[in-house]
């Protein structure tokens, strides 16, 4: 039998992840495997939101759209985000 809890169990850990300056996080492109800080993304803002592309291969890595009732974040073009330890 599987033992699990709901997604609320992630609240503390995710608060640590999304509190730091995300531009300092190391991101790995799911397309080409390049590993660079988020600050190196090429960001396009001419759409209804922002689209970030890998500086190495141009693949879409992140999409961010803000509507009146929500903030939408897609990161399907990333393999991971790695944040520096707190205090660094």
C-alpha atoms as a PDB file:
ATOM      1  CA  UNK A   1       0.000   0.000   0.000  1.00  0.00           C
ATOM      2  CA  UNK A   2       1.305   3.470  -0.900  1.00  0.00           C
ATOM      3  CA  UNK A   3       1.672   5.926   1.963  1.00  0.00           C
ATOM      4  CA  UNK A   4       1.382   9.541   0.942  1.00  0.00           C
ATOM      5  CA  UNK A   5       0.251  12.951   2.101  1.00  0.00           C
ATOM      6  CA  UNK A   6      -1.125  15.782   0.012  1.00  0.00           C
ATOM      7  CA  UNK A   7       0.837  18.604  -1.618  1.00  0.00           C
ATOM      8  CA  UNK A   8       0.629  20.763   1.500  1.00  0.00           C
ATOM      9  CA  UNK A   9       3.579  18.752   2.804  1.00  0.00           C
ATOM     10  CA  UNK A  10       5.748  20.629   0.279  1.00  0.00           C
ATOM     11  CA  UNK A  11       4.875  24.098   1.608  1.00  0.00           C
ATOM     12  CA  UNK A  12       7.954  24.581   3.795  1.00  0.00           C
ATOM     13  CA  UNK A  13      10.436  23.295   1.225  1.00  0.00           C
ATOM     14  CA  UNK A  14       8.881  25.214  -1.660  1.00  0.00           C
ATOM     15  CA  UNK A  15       8.879  28.411   0.407  1.00  0.00           C
ATOM     16  CA  UNK A  16      12.671  28.059   0.628  1.00  0.00           C
ATOM     17  CA  UNK A  17      12.913  27.531  -3.133  1.00  0.00           C
ATOM     18  CA  UNK A  18      10.725  30.425  -4.265  1.00  0.00           C
ATOM     19  CA  UNK A  19      11.882  33.012  -1.737  1.00  0.00           C
ATOM     20  CA  UNK A  20      15.452  33.572  -3.039  1.00  0.00           C
ATOM     21  CA  UNK A  21      16.253  35.729  -6.054  1.00  0.00           C
ATOM     22  CA  UNK A  22      15.437  33.312  -8.870  1.00  0.00           C
ATOM     23  CA  UNK A  23      17.867  35.031 -11.259  1.00  0.00           C
ATOM     24  CA  UNK A  24      20.738  33.527  -9.236  1.00  0.00           C
ATOM     25  CA  UNK A  25      19.389  29.989  -9.649  1.00  0.00           C
ATOM     26  CA  UNK A  26      21.247  27.646 -11.973  1.00  0.00           C
ATOM     27  CA  UNK A  27      18.965  26.340 -14.718  1.00  0.00           C
ATOM     28  CA  UNK A  28      19.504  23.363 -17.011  1.00  0.00           C
ATOM     29  CA  UNK A  29      17.931  23.585 -20.455  1.00  0.00           C
ATOM     30  CA  UNK A  30      15.886  20.469 -21.235  1.00  0.00           C
ATOM     31  CA  UNK A  31      16.759  20.873 -24.932  1.00  0.00           C
ATOM     32  CA  UNK A  32      20.520  21.225 -25.111  1.00  0.00           C
ATOM     33  CA  UNK A  33      21.586  20.590 -21.502  1.00  0.00           C
ATOM     34  CA  UNK A  34      23.293  23.966 -21.073  1.00  0.00           C
ATOM     35  CA  UNK A  35      23.585  24.980 -17.426  1.00  0.00           C
ATOM     36  CA  UNK A  36      23.498  28.722 -16.771  1.00  0.00           C
ATOM     37  CA  UNK A  37      21.996  31.170 -14.305  1.00  0.00           C
ATOM     38  CA  UNK A  38      18.425  32.280 -14.981  1.00  0.00           C
ATOM     39  CA  UNK A  39      19.836  35.797 -15.455  1.00  0.00           C
ATOM     40  CA  UNK A  40      21.403  34.561 -18.722  1.00  0.00           C
ATOM     41  CA  UNK A  41      18.012  33.708 -20.302  1.00  0.00           C
ATOM     42  CA  UNK A  42      16.953  35.752 -23.319  1.00  0.00           C
ATOM     43  CA  UNK A  43      13.579  37.167 -22.320  1.00  0.00           C
ATOM     44  CA  UNK A  44      10.950  38.362 -24.777  1.00  0.00           C
ATOM     45  CA  UNK A  45       8.143  40.544 -23.441  1.00  0.00           C
ATOM     46  CA  UNK A  46       6.239  41.489 -26.632  1.00  0.00           C
ATOM     47  CA  UNK A  47       3.594  38.832 -25.907  1.00  0.00           C
ATOM     48  CA  UNK A  48       0.919  38.874 -23.223  1.00  0.00           C
ATOM     49  CA  UNK A  49       3.538  37.880 -20.661  1.00  0.00           C
ATOM     50  CA  UNK A  50       7.196  36.943 -20.818  1.00  0.00           C
ATOM     51  CA  UNK A  51       8.889  34.091 -22.650  1.00  0.00           C
ATOM     52  CA  UNK A  52      12.419  33.103 -21.673  1.00  0.00           C
ATOM     53  CA  UNK A  53      14.689  31.223 -24.042  1.00  0.00           C
ATOM     54  CA  UNK A  54      17.945  29.376 -23.507  1.00  0.00           C
ATOM     55  CA  UNK A  55      20.885  31.599 -24.452  1.00  0.00           C
ATOM     56  CA  UNK A  56      22.708  28.585 -25.914  1.00  0.00           C
ATOM     57  CA  UNK A  57      20.072  26.979 -28.155  1.00  0.00           C
ATOM     58  CA  UNK A  58      17.038  29.273 -28.147  1.00  0.00           C
ATOM     59  CA  UNK A  59      14.563  26.726 -26.738  1.00  0.00           C
ATOM     60  CA  UNK A  60      11.703  28.162 -24.704  1.00  0.00           C
ATOM     61  CA  UNK A  61      12.589  27.468 -21.081  1.00  0.00           C
ATOM     62  CA  UNK A  62      10.055  29.477 -19.111  1.00  0.00           C
ATOM     63  CA  UNK A  63       6.767  31.293 -19.678  1.00  0.00           C
ATOM     64  CA  UNK A  64       5.301  33.807 -17.223  1.00  0.00           C
ATOM     65  CA  UNK A  65       1.883  35.410 -17.664  1.00  0.00           C
ATOM     66  CA  UNK A  66       0.041  37.587 -15.172  1.00  0.00           C
ATOM     67  CA  UNK A  67      -3.711  37.953 -15.461  1.00  0.00           C
ATOM     68  CA  UNK A  68      -5.991  39.968 -13.185  1.00  0.00           C
ATOM     69  CA  UNK A  69      -6.678  36.901 -11.039  1.00  0.00           C
ATOM     70  CA  UNK A  70      -3.554  34.752 -11.280  1.00  0.00           C
ATOM     71  CA  UNK A  71       0.117  34.379 -12.105  1.00  0.00           C
ATOM     72  CA  UNK A  72       0.910  31.540 -14.518  1.00  0.00           C
ATOM     73  CA  UNK A  73       4.389  29.982 -14.621  1.00  0.00           C
ATOM     74  CA  UNK A  74       5.437  27.277 -17.070  1.00  0.00           C
ATOM     75  CA  UNK A  75       8.914  25.746 -16.877  1.00  0.00           C
ATOM     76  CA  UNK A  76       8.594  22.709 -19.141  1.00  0.00           C
ATOM     77  CA  UNK A  77      11.778  23.671 -20.995  1.00  0.00           C
ATOM     78  CA  UNK A  78      13.950  23.214 -17.902  1.00  0.00           C
ATOM     79  CA  UNK A  79      15.360  19.987 -16.488  1.00  0.00           C
ATOM     80  CA  UNK A  80      15.942  21.665 -13.133  1.00  0.00           C
ATOM     81  CA  UNK A  81      16.503  24.856 -11.185  1.00  0.00           C
ATOM     82  CA  UNK A  82      19.290  24.737  -8.595  1.00  0.00           C
ATOM     83  CA  UNK A  83      19.309  27.419  -5.913  1.00  0.00           C
ATOM     84  CA  UNK A  84      22.338  28.411  -3.886  1.00  0.00           C
ATOM     85  CA  UNK A  85      22.111  27.512  -0.195  1.00  0.00           C
ATOM     86  CA  UNK A  86      20.386  30.125   1.988  1.00  0.00           C
ATOM     87  CA  UNK A  87      22.706  32.911   3.110  1.00  0.00           C
ATOM     88  CA  UNK A  88      24.883  32.925  -0.008  1.00  0.00           C
END
